[in-house]
mmCIF file of all heavy atoms, coordinates in Angstrom:
data_MODEL
# 
_entry.id   MODEL 
# 
loop_
_atom_site.group_PDB 
_atom_site.id 
_atom_site.type_symbol 
_atom_site.label_atom_id 
_atom_site.label_alt_id 
_atom_site.label_comp_id 
_atom_site.label_asym_id 
_atom_site.label_entity_id 
_atom_site.label_seq_id 
_atom_site.pdbx_PDB_ins_code 
_atom_site.Cartn_x 
_atom_site.Cartn_y 
_atom_site.Cartn_z 
_atom_site.occupancy 
_atom_site.B_iso_or_equiv 
_atom_site.pdbx_formal_charge 
_atom_site.auth_seq_id 
_atom_site.auth_comp_id 
_atom_site.auth_asym_id 
_atom_site.auth_atom_id 
_atom_site.pdbx_PDB_model_num 
ATOM 1   N N   . GLY A 1 1  ? -25.843 88.159  2.621  1.00 0.00 ? 1  GLY A N   1 
ATOM 2   C CA  . GLY A 1 1  ? -26.438 88.316  1.306  1.00 0.00 ? 1  GLY A CA  1 
ATOM 3   C C   . GLY A 1 1  ? -25.388 88.531  0.216  1.00 0.00 ? 1  GLY A C   1 
ATOM 4   O O   . GLY A 1 1  ? -25.615 89.267  -0.750 1.00 0.00 ? 1  GLY A O   1 
ATOM 5   N N   . VAL A 1 2  ? -24.209 87.873  0.383  1.00 0.00 ? 2  VAL A N   1 
ATOM 6   C CA  . VAL A 1 2  ? -23.141 87.966  -0.642 1.00 0.00 ? 2  VAL A CA  1 
ATOM 7   C C   . VAL A 1 2  ? -22.771 86.550  -1.049 1.00 0.00 ? 2  VAL A C   1 
ATOM 8   O O   . VAL A 1 2  ? -22.894 85.609  -0.269 1.00 0.00 ? 2  VAL A O   1 
ATOM 9   C CB  . VAL A 1 2  ? -21.902 88.723  -0.125 1.00 0.00 ? 2  VAL A CB  1 
ATOM 10  C CG1 . VAL A 1 2  ? -22.287 90.152  0.266  1.00 0.00 ? 2  VAL A CG1 1 
ATOM 11  C CG2 . VAL A 1 2  ? -21.286 88.032  1.088  1.00 0.00 ? 2  VAL A CG2 1 
ATOM 12  N N   . PRO A 1 3  ? -22.270 86.374  -2.293 1.00 0.00 ? 3  PRO A N   1 
ATOM 13  C CA  . PRO A 1 3  ? -21.781 85.032  -2.683 1.00 0.00 ? 3  PRO A CA  1 
ATOM 14  C C   . PRO A 1 3  ? -20.630 84.584  -1.818 1.00 0.00 ? 3  PRO A C   1 
ATOM 15  O O   . PRO A 1 3  ? -19.859 85.416  -1.348 1.00 0.00 ? 3  PRO A O   1 
ATOM 16  C CB  . PRO A 1 3  ? -21.375 85.259  -4.127 1.00 0.00 ? 3  PRO A CB  1 
ATOM 17  C CG  . PRO A 1 3  ? -22.071 86.519  -4.580 1.00 0.00 ? 3  PRO A CG  1 
ATOM 18  C CD  . PRO A 1 3  ? -22.205 87.337  -3.322 1.00 0.00 ? 3  PRO A CD  1 
ATOM 19  N N   . ALA A 1 4  ? -20.533 83.266  -1.614 1.00 0.00 ? 4  ALA A N   1 
ATOM 20  C CA  . ALA A 1 4  ? -19.449 82.765  -0.745 1.00 0.00 ? 4  ALA A CA  1 
ATOM 21  C C   . ALA A 1 4  ? -18.073 83.160  -1.240 1.00 0.00 ? 4  ALA A C   1 
ATOM 22  O O   . ALA A 1 4  ? -17.144 83.464  -0.454 1.00 0.00 ? 4  ALA A O   1 
ATOM 23  C CB  . ALA A 1 4  ? -19.614 81.216  -0.609 1.00 0.00 ? 4  ALA A CB  1 
ATOM 24  N N   . GLU A 1 5  ? -17.893 83.126  -2.591 1.00 0.00 ? 5  GLU A N   1 
ATOM 25  C CA  . GLU A 1 5  ? -16.585 83.509  -3.193 1.00 0.00 ? 5  GLU A CA  1 
ATOM 26  C C   . GLU A 1 5  ? -16.267 84.967  -2.813 1.00 0.00 ? 5  GLU A C   1 
ATOM 27  O O   . GLU A 1 5  ? -15.101 85.271  -2.457 1.00 0.00 ? 5  GLU A O   1 
ATOM 28  C CB  . GLU A 1 5  ? -16.660 83.319  -4.713 1.00 0.00 ? 5  GLU A CB  1 
ATOM 29  C CG  . GLU A 1 5  ? -16.811 81.889  -5.179 1.00 0.00 ? 5  GLU A CG  1 
ATOM 30  C CD  . GLU A 1 5  ? -18.271 81.427  -5.120 1.00 0.00 ? 5  GLU A CD  1 
ATOM 31  O OE1 . GLU A 1 5  ? -19.131 82.282  -4.777 1.00 0.00 ? 5  GLU A OE1 1 
ATOM 32  O OE2 . GLU A 1 5  ? -18.541 80.245  -5.360 1.00 0.00 ? 5  GLU A OE2 1 
ATOM 33  N N   . GLU A 1 6  ? -17.264 85.845  -2.934 1.00 0.00 ? 6  GLU A N   1 
ATOM 34  C CA  . GLU A 1 6  ? -17.062 87.237  -2.574 1.00 0.00 ? 6  GLU A CA  1 
ATOM 35  C C   . GLU A 1 6  ? -16.784 87.347  -1.053 1.00 0.00 ? 6  GLU A C   1 
ATOM 36  O O   . GLU A 1 6  ? -16.015 88.200  -0.599 1.00 0.00 ? 6  GLU A O   1 
ATOM 37  C CB  . GLU A 1 6  ? -18.257 88.056  -2.970 1.00 0.00 ? 6  GLU A CB  1 
ATOM 38  C CG  . GLU A 1 6  ? -18.112 89.553  -2.716 1.00 0.00 ? 6  GLU A CG  1 
ATOM 39  C CD  . GLU A 1 6  ? -19.335 90.311  -3.144 1.00 0.00 ? 6  GLU A CD  1 
ATOM 40  O OE1 . GLU A 1 6  ? -19.972 89.906  -4.148 1.00 0.00 ? 6  GLU A OE1 1 
ATOM 41  O OE2 . GLU A 1 6  ? -19.672 91.277  -2.462 1.00 0.00 ? 6  GLU A OE2 1 
ATOM 42  N N   . GLY A 1 7  ? -17.483 86.500  -0.249 1.00 0.00 ? 7  GLY A N   1 
ATOM 43  C CA  . GLY A 1 7  ? -17.313 86.540  1.171  1.00 0.00 ? 7  GLY A CA  1 
ATOM 44  C C   . GLY A 1 7  ? -15.898 86.213  1.569  1.00 0.00 ? 7  GLY A C   1 
ATOM 45  O O   . GLY A 1 7  ? -15.294 86.804  2.498  1.00 0.00 ? 7  GLY A O   1 
ATOM 46  N N   . ILE A 1 8  ? -15.265 85.240  0.870  1.00 0.00 ? 8  ILE A N   1 
ATOM 47  C CA  . ILE A 1 8  ? -13.861 84.869  1.203  1.00 0.00 ? 8  ILE A CA  1 
ATOM 48  C C   . ILE A 1 8  ? -12.936 86.061  0.990  1.00 0.00 ? 8  ILE A C   1 
ATOM 49  O O   . ILE A 1 8  ? -12.078 86.401  1.837  1.00 0.00 ? 8  ILE A O   1 
ATOM 50  C CB  . ILE A 1 8  ? -13.434 83.701  0.318  1.00 0.00 ? 8  ILE A CB  1 
ATOM 51  C CG1 . ILE A 1 8  ? -14.212 82.445  0.620  1.00 0.00 ? 8  ILE A CG1 1 
ATOM 52  C CG2 . ILE A 1 8  ? -11.927 83.415  0.476  1.00 0.00 ? 8  ILE A CG2 1 
ATOM 53  C CD1 . ILE A 1 8  ? -13.930 81.250  -0.254 1.00 0.00 ? 8  ILE A CD1 1 
ATOM 54  N N   . GLU A 1 9  ? -13.094 86.697  -0.156 1.00 0.00 ? 9  GLU A N   1 
ATOM 55  C CA  . GLU A 1 9  ? -12.275 87.866  -0.449 1.00 0.00 ? 9  GLU A CA  1 
ATOM 56  C C   . GLU A 1 9  ? -12.497 88.985  0.523  1.00 0.00 ? 9  GLU A C   1 
ATOM 57  O O   . GLU A 1 9  ? -11.532 89.647  0.987  1.00 0.00 ? 9  GLU A O   1 
ATOM 58  C CB  . GLU A 1 9  ? -12.538 88.311  -1.909 1.00 0.00 ? 9  GLU A CB  1 
ATOM 59  C CG  . GLU A 1 9  ? -11.676 89.454  -2.343 1.00 0.00 ? 9  GLU A CG  1 
ATOM 60  C CD  . GLU A 1 9  ? -11.963 89.841  -3.817 1.00 0.00 ? 9  GLU A CD  1 
ATOM 61  O OE1 . GLU A 1 9  ? -12.627 89.104  -4.499 1.00 0.00 ? 9  GLU A OE1 1 
ATOM 62  O OE2 . GLU A 1 9  ? -11.503 90.943  -4.224 1.00 0.00 ? 9  GLU A OE2 1 
ATOM 63  N N   . SER A 1 10 ? -13.764 89.205  0.873  1.00 0.00 ? 10 SER A N   1 
ATOM 64  C CA  . SER A 1 10 ? -14.091 90.332  1.794  1.00 0.00 ? 10 SER A CA  1 
ATOM 65  C C   . SER A 1 10 ? -13.510 90.045  3.200  1.00 0.00 ? 10 SER A C   1 
ATOM 66  O O   . SER A 1 10 ? -12.945 90.988  3.815  1.00 0.00 ? 10 SER A O   1 
ATOM 67  C CB  . SER A 1 10 ? -15.632 90.466  1.924  1.00 0.00 ? 10 SER A CB  1 
ATOM 68  O OG  . SER A 1 10 ? -16.165 90.821  0.692  1.00 0.00 ? 10 SER A OG  1 
ATOM 69  N N   . VAL A 1 11 ? -13.664 88.828  3.663  1.00 0.00 ? 11 VAL A N   1 
ATOM 70  C CA  . VAL A 1 11 ? -13.132 88.481  4.990  1.00 0.00 ? 11 VAL A CA  1 
ATOM 71  C C   . VAL A 1 11 ? -11.604 88.624  5.013  1.00 0.00 ? 11 VAL A C   1 
ATOM 72  O O   . VAL A 1 11 ? -11.030 89.181  5.985  1.00 0.00 ? 11 VAL A O   1 
ATOM 73  C CB  . VAL A 1 11 ? -13.539 87.073  5.386  1.00 0.00 ? 11 VAL A CB  1 
ATOM 74  C CG1 . VAL A 1 11 ? -12.759 86.593  6.631  1.00 0.00 ? 11 VAL A CG1 1 
ATOM 75  C CG2 . VAL A 1 11 ? -15.023 86.992  5.680  1.00 0.00 ? 11 VAL A CG2 1 
ATOM 76  N N   . THR A 1 12 ? -10.906 88.177  4.002  1.00 0.00 ? 12 THR A N   1 
ATOM 77  C CA  . THR A 1 12 ? -9.483  88.274  3.942  1.00 0.00 ? 12 THR A CA  1 
ATOM 78  C C   . THR A 1 12 ? -9.010  89.720  3.964  1.00 0.00 ? 12 THR A C   1 
ATOM 79  O O   . THR A 1 12 ? -8.123  90.085  4.768  1.00 0.00 ? 12 THR A O   1 
ATOM 80  C CB  . THR A 1 12 ? -8.905  87.602  2.648  1.00 0.00 ? 12 THR A CB  1 
ATOM 81  O OG1 . THR A 1 12 ? -9.353  86.276  2.629  1.00 0.00 ? 12 THR A OG1 1 
ATOM 82  C CG2 . THR A 1 12 ? -7.396  87.677  2.609  1.00 0.00 ? 12 THR A CG2 1 
ATOM 83  N N   . THR A 1 13 ? -9.642  90.545  3.192  1.00 0.00 ? 13 THR A N   1 
ATOM 84  C CA  . THR A 1 13 ? -9.327  91.984  3.160  1.00 0.00 ? 13 THR A CA  1 
ATOM 85  C C   . THR A 1 13 ? -9.622  92.676  4.499  1.00 0.00 ? 13 THR A C   1 
ATOM 86  O O   . THR A 1 13 ? -8.839  93.484  5.018  1.00 0.00 ? 13 THR A O   1 
ATOM 87  C CB  . THR A 1 13 ? -10.104 92.699  2.027  1.00 0.00 ? 13 THR A CB  1 
ATOM 88  O OG1 . THR A 1 13 ? -9.818  92.046  0.804  1.00 0.00 ? 13 THR A OG1 1 
ATOM 89  C CG2 . THR A 1 13 ? -9.717  94.173  1.937  1.00 0.00 ? 13 THR A CG2 1 
ATOM 90  N N   . ALA A 1 14 ? -10.813 92.335  5.077  1.00 0.00 ? 14 ALA A N   1 
ATOM 91  C CA  . ALA A 1 14 ? -11.220 92.934  6.350  1.00 0.00 ? 14 ALA A CA  1 
ATOM 92  C C   . ALA A 1 14 ? -10.269 92.550  7.456  1.00 0.00 ? 14 ALA A C   1 
ATOM 93  O O   . ALA A 1 14 ? -9.931  93.406  8.320  1.00 0.00 ? 14 ALA A O   1 
ATOM 94  C CB  . ALA A 1 14 ? -12.633 92.519  6.669  1.00 0.00 ? 14 ALA A CB  1 
ATOM 95  N N   . LEU A 1 15 ? -9.826  91.306  7.524  1.00 0.00 ? 15 LEU A N   1 
ATOM 96  C CA  . LEU A 1 15 ? -8.939  90.873  8.574  1.00 0.00 ? 15 LEU A CA  1 
ATOM 97  C C   . LEU A 1 15 ? -7.578  91.602  8.431  1.00 0.00 ? 15 LEU A C   1 
ATOM 98  O O   . LEU A 1 15 ? -6.970  92.006  9.475  1.00 0.00 ? 15 LEU A O   1 
ATOM 99  C CB  . LEU A 1 15 ? -8.758  89.351  8.515  1.00 0.00 ? 15 LEU A CB  1 
ATOM 100 C CG  . LEU A 1 15 ? -9.945  88.494  8.970  1.00 0.00 ? 15 LEU A CG  1 
ATOM 101 C CD1 . LEU A 1 15 ? -9.659  87.022  8.749  1.00 0.00 ? 15 LEU A CD1 1 
ATOM 102 C CD2 . LEU A 1 15 ? -10.251 88.800  10.438 1.00 0.00 ? 15 LEU A CD2 1 
ATOM 103 N N   . SER A 1 16 ? -7.103  91.742  7.230  1.00 0.00 ? 16 SER A N   1 
ATOM 104 C CA  . SER A 1 16 ? -5.866  92.461  7.007  1.00 0.00 ? 16 SER A CA  1 
ATOM 105 C C   . SER A 1 16 ? -5.970  93.906  7.451  1.00 0.00 ? 16 SER A C   1 
ATOM 106 O O   . SER A 1 16 ? -5.076  94.468  8.091  1.00 0.00 ? 16 SER A O   1 
ATOM 107 C CB  . SER A 1 16 ? -5.496  92.446  5.532  1.00 0.00 ? 16 SER A CB  1 
ATOM 108 O OG  . SER A 1 16 ? -5.297  91.098  5.087  1.00 0.00 ? 16 SER A OG  1 
ATOM 109 N N   . SER A 1 17 ? -7.154  94.495  7.212  1.00 0.00 ? 17 SER A N   1 
ATOM 110 C CA  . SER A 1 17 ? -7.383  95.881  7.666  1.00 0.00 ? 17 SER A CA  1 
ATOM 111 C C   . SER A 1 17 ? -7.417  95.988  9.161  1.00 0.00 ? 17 SER A C   1 
ATOM 112 O O   . SER A 1 17 ? -6.833  96.908  9.761  1.00 0.00 ? 17 SER A O   1 
ATOM 113 C CB  . SER A 1 17 ? -8.734  96.358  7.075  1.00 0.00 ? 17 SER A CB  1 
ATOM 114 O OG  . SER A 1 17 ? -9.000  97.670  7.556  1.00 0.00 ? 17 SER A OG  1 
ATOM 115 N N   . LEU A 1 18 ? -8.017  95.017  9.821  1.00 0.00 ? 18 LEU A N   1 
ATOM 116 C CA  . LEU A 1 18 ? -8.017  95.009  11.305 1.00 0.00 ? 18 LEU A CA  1 
ATOM 117 C C   . LEU A 1 18 ? -6.645  94.866  11.878 1.00 0.00 ? 18 LEU A C   1 
ATOM 118 O O   . LEU A 1 18 ? -6.268  95.523  12.830 1.00 0.00 ? 18 LEU A O   1 
ATOM 119 C CB  . LEU A 1 18 ? -8.931  93.938  11.830 1.00 0.00 ? 18 LEU A CB  1 
ATOM 120 C CG  . LEU A 1 18 ? -10.461 94.126  11.785 1.00 0.00 ? 18 LEU A CG  1 
ATOM 121 C CD1 . LEU A 1 18 ? -11.230 92.897  12.266 1.00 0.00 ? 18 LEU A CD1 1 
ATOM 122 C CD2 . LEU A 1 18 ? -10.883 95.329  12.577 1.00 0.00 ? 18 LEU A CD2 1 
ATOM 123 N N   . GLU A 1 19 ? -5.853  93.938  11.288 1.00 0.00 ? 19 GLU A N   1 
ATOM 124 C CA  . GLU A 1 19 ? -4.496  93.708  11.741 1.00 0.00 ? 19 GLU A CA  1 
ATOM 125 C C   . GLU A 1 19 ? -3.698  94.978  11.637 1.00 0.00 ? 19 GLU A C   1 
ATOM 126 O O   . GLU A 1 19 ? -2.890  95.318  12.544 1.00 0.00 ? 19 GLU A O   1 
ATOM 127 C CB  . GLU A 1 19 ? -3.858  92.570  10.973 1.00 0.00 ? 19 GLU A CB  1 
ATOM 128 C CG  . GLU A 1 19 ? -4.415  91.179  11.344 1.00 0.00 ? 19 GLU A CG  1 
ATOM 129 C CD  . GLU A 1 19 ? -3.807  90.073  10.554 1.00 0.00 ? 19 GLU A CD  1 
ATOM 130 O OE1 . GLU A 1 19 ? -3.747  90.216  9.317  1.00 0.00 ? 19 GLU A OE1 1 
ATOM 131 O OE2 . GLU A 1 19 ? -3.380  89.098  11.154 1.00 0.00 ? 19 GLU A OE2 1 
ATOM 132 N N   . ALA A 1 20 ? -3.847  95.691  10.547 1.00 0.00 ? 20 ALA A N   1 
ATOM 133 C CA  . ALA A 1 20 ? -3.079  96.872  10.297 1.00 0.00 ? 20 ALA A CA  1 
ATOM 134 C C   . ALA A 1 20 ? -3.540  98.017  11.252 1.00 0.00 ? 20 ALA A C   1 
ATOM 135 O O   . ALA A 1 20 ? -2.726  98.753  11.781 1.00 0.00 ? 20 ALA A O   1 
ATOM 136 C CB  . ALA A 1 20 ? -3.197  97.334  8.828  1.00 0.00 ? 20 ALA A CB  1 
ATOM 137 N N   . SER A 1 21 ? -4.838  98.093  11.485 1.00 0.00 ? 21 SER A N   1 
ATOM 138 C CA  . SER A 1 21 ? -5.391  99.166  12.312 1.00 0.00 ? 21 SER A CA  1 
ATOM 139 C C   . SER A 1 21 ? -5.022  98.950  13.775 1.00 0.00 ? 21 SER A C   1 
ATOM 140 O O   . SER A 1 21 ? -4.673  99.902  14.467 1.00 0.00 ? 21 SER A O   1 
ATOM 141 C CB  . SER A 1 21 ? -6.910  99.235  12.132 1.00 0.00 ? 21 SER A CB  1 
ATOM 142 O OG  . SER A 1 21 ? -7.441  100.196 13.001 1.00 0.00 ? 21 SER A OG  1 
ATOM 143 N N   . LEU A 1 22 ? -5.090  97.722  14.222 1.00 0.00 ? 22 LEU A N   1 
ATOM 144 C CA  . LEU A 1 22 ? -4.870  97.381  15.648 1.00 0.00 ? 22 LEU A CA  1 
ATOM 145 C C   . LEU A 1 22 ? -3.436  97.020  15.906 1.00 0.00 ? 22 LEU A C   1 
ATOM 146 O O   . LEU A 1 22 ? -2.992  96.908  17.117 1.00 0.00 ? 22 LEU A O   1 
ATOM 147 C CB  . LEU A 1 22 ? -5.822  96.286  16.101 1.00 0.00 ? 22 LEU A CB  1 
ATOM 148 C CG  . LEU A 1 22 ? -7.314  96.577  16.033 1.00 0.00 ? 22 LEU A CG  1 
ATOM 149 C CD1 . LEU A 1 22 ? -8.144  95.345  16.323 1.00 0.00 ? 22 LEU A CD1 1 
ATOM 150 C CD2 . LEU A 1 22 ? -7.686  97.700  17.013 1.00 0.00 ? 22 LEU A CD2 1 
ATOM 151 N N   . ARG A 1 23 ? -2.664  96.782  14.881 1.00 0.00 ? 23 ARG A N   1 
ATOM 152 C CA  . ARG A 1 23 ? -1.243  96.361  15.004 1.00 0.00 ? 23 ARG A CA  1 
ATOM 153 C C   . ARG A 1 23 ? -1.151  95.076  15.855 1.00 0.00 ? 23 ARG A C   1 
ATOM 154 O O   . ARG A 1 23 ? -0.280  95.026  16.729 1.00 0.00 ? 23 ARG A O   1 
ATOM 155 C CB  . ARG A 1 23 ? -0.419  97.470  15.573 1.00 0.00 ? 23 ARG A CB  1 
ATOM 156 C CG  . ARG A 1 23 ? -0.425  98.741  14.694 1.00 0.00 ? 23 ARG A CG  1 
ATOM 157 C CD  . ARG A 1 23 ? 0.423   99.866  15.293 1.00 0.00 ? 23 ARG A CD  1 
ATOM 158 N NE  . ARG A 1 23 ? 0.416   101.015 14.438 1.00 0.00 ? 23 ARG A NE  1 
ATOM 159 C CZ  . ARG A 1 23 ? 1.071   102.167 14.686 1.00 0.00 ? 23 ARG A CZ  1 
ATOM 160 N NH1 . ARG A 1 23 ? 1.771   102.239 15.838 1.00 0.00 ? 23 ARG A NH1 1 
ATOM 161 N NH2 . ARG A 1 23 ? 0.998   103.179 13.856 1.00 0.00 ? 23 ARG A NH2 1 
ATOM 162 N N   . GLN A 1 24 ? -2.007  94.181  15.607 1.00 0.00 ? 24 GLN A N   1 
ATOM 163 C CA  . GLN A 1 24 ? -1.996  92.875  16.303 1.00 0.00 ? 24 GLN A CA  1 
ATOM 164 C C   . GLN A 1 24 ? -2.313  91.794  15.362 1.00 0.00 ? 24 GLN A C   1 
ATOM 165 O O   . GLN A 1 24 ? -2.908  91.972  14.289 1.00 0.00 ? 24 GLN A O   1 
ATOM 166 C CB  . GLN A 1 24 ? -3.061  92.906  17.456 1.00 0.00 ? 24 GLN A CB  1 
ATOM 167 C CG  . GLN A 1 24 ? -2.693  93.827  18.630 1.00 0.00 ? 24 GLN A CG  1 
ATOM 168 C CD  . GLN A 1 24 ? -3.773  93.829  19.683 1.00 0.00 ? 24 GLN A CD  1 
ATOM 169 O OE1 . GLN A 1 24 ? -4.965  93.713  19.357 1.00 0.00 ? 24 GLN A OE1 1 
ATOM 170 N NE2 . GLN A 1 24 ? -3.363  93.990  20.899 1.00 0.00 ? 24 GLN A NE2 1 
ATOM 171 N N   . GLY A 1 25 ? -1.900  90.558  15.743 1.00 0.00 ? 25 GLY A N   1 
ATOM 172 C CA  . GLY A 1 25 ? -2.208  89.412  14.909 1.00 0.00 ? 25 GLY A CA  1 
ATOM 173 C C   . GLY A 1 25 ? -3.654  88.941  15.022 1.00 0.00 ? 25 GLY A C   1 
ATOM 174 O O   . GLY A 1 25 ? -4.349  89.328  15.978 1.00 0.00 ? 25 GLY A O   1 
ATOM 175 N N   . ILE A 1 26 ? -4.055  88.034  14.164 1.00 0.00 ? 26 ILE A N   1 
ATOM 176 C CA  . ILE A 1 26 ? -5.456  87.615  14.142 1.00 0.00 ? 26 ILE A CA  1 
ATOM 177 C C   . ILE A 1 26 ? -5.842  86.888  15.391 1.00 0.00 ? 26 ILE A C   1 
ATOM 178 O O   . ILE A 1 26 ? -7.001  86.949  15.835 1.00 0.00 ? 26 ILE A O   1 
ATOM 179 C CB  . ILE A 1 26 ? -5.761  86.787  12.875 1.00 0.00 ? 26 ILE A CB  1 
ATOM 180 C CG1 . ILE A 1 26 ? -7.232  86.530  12.730 1.00 0.00 ? 26 ILE A CG1 1 
ATOM 181 C CG2 . ILE A 1 26 ? -4.922  85.496  12.872 1.00 0.00 ? 26 ILE A CG2 1 
ATOM 182 C CD1 . ILE A 1 26 ? -8.058  87.784  12.585 1.00 0.00 ? 26 ILE A CD1 1 
ATOM 183 N N   . ASP A 1 27 ? -4.907  86.136  16.000 1.00 0.00 ? 27 ASP A N   1 
ATOM 184 C CA  . ASP A 1 27 ? -5.263  85.364  17.213 1.00 0.00 ? 27 ASP A CA  1 
ATOM 185 C C   . ASP A 1 27 ? -5.609  86.340  18.354 1.00 0.00 ? 27 ASP A C   1 
ATOM 186 O O   . ASP A 1 27 ? -6.583  86.065  19.107 1.00 0.00 ? 27 ASP A O   1 
ATOM 187 C CB  . ASP A 1 27 ? -4.054  84.493  17.626 1.00 0.00 ? 27 ASP A CB  1 
ATOM 188 C CG  . ASP A 1 27 ? -3.820  83.360  16.683 1.00 0.00 ? 27 ASP A CG  1 
ATOM 189 O OD1 . ASP A 1 27 ? -4.766  83.041  15.899 1.00 0.00 ? 27 ASP A OD1 1 
ATOM 190 O OD2 . ASP A 1 27 ? -2.731  82.799  16.681 1.00 0.00 ? 27 ASP A OD2 1 
ATOM 191 N N   . VAL A 1 28 ? -4.876  87.393  18.531 1.00 0.00 ? 28 VAL A N   1 
ATOM 192 C CA  . VAL A 1 28 ? -5.166  88.360  19.563 1.00 0.00 ? 28 VAL A CA  1 
ATOM 193 C C   . VAL A 1 28 ? -6.487  89.073  19.298 1.00 0.00 ? 28 VAL A C   1 
ATOM 194 O O   . VAL A 1 28 ? -7.302  89.280  20.199 1.00 0.00 ? 28 VAL A O   1 
ATOM 195 C CB  . VAL A 1 28 ? -4.008  89.394  19.673 1.00 0.00 ? 28 VAL A CB  1 
ATOM 196 C CG1 . VAL A 1 28 ? -4.321  90.464  20.719 1.00 0.00 ? 28 VAL A CG1 1 
ATOM 197 C CG2 . VAL A 1 28 ? -2.704  88.686  20.019 1.00 0.00 ? 28 VAL A CG2 1 
# 
């Protein structure tokens, strides 16, 4: 229920947060 443009920004930020929290790359 979010605009696609907002979704892109949200996914990018969320993935960066996961990488920082887990200290792993996106592939892992």
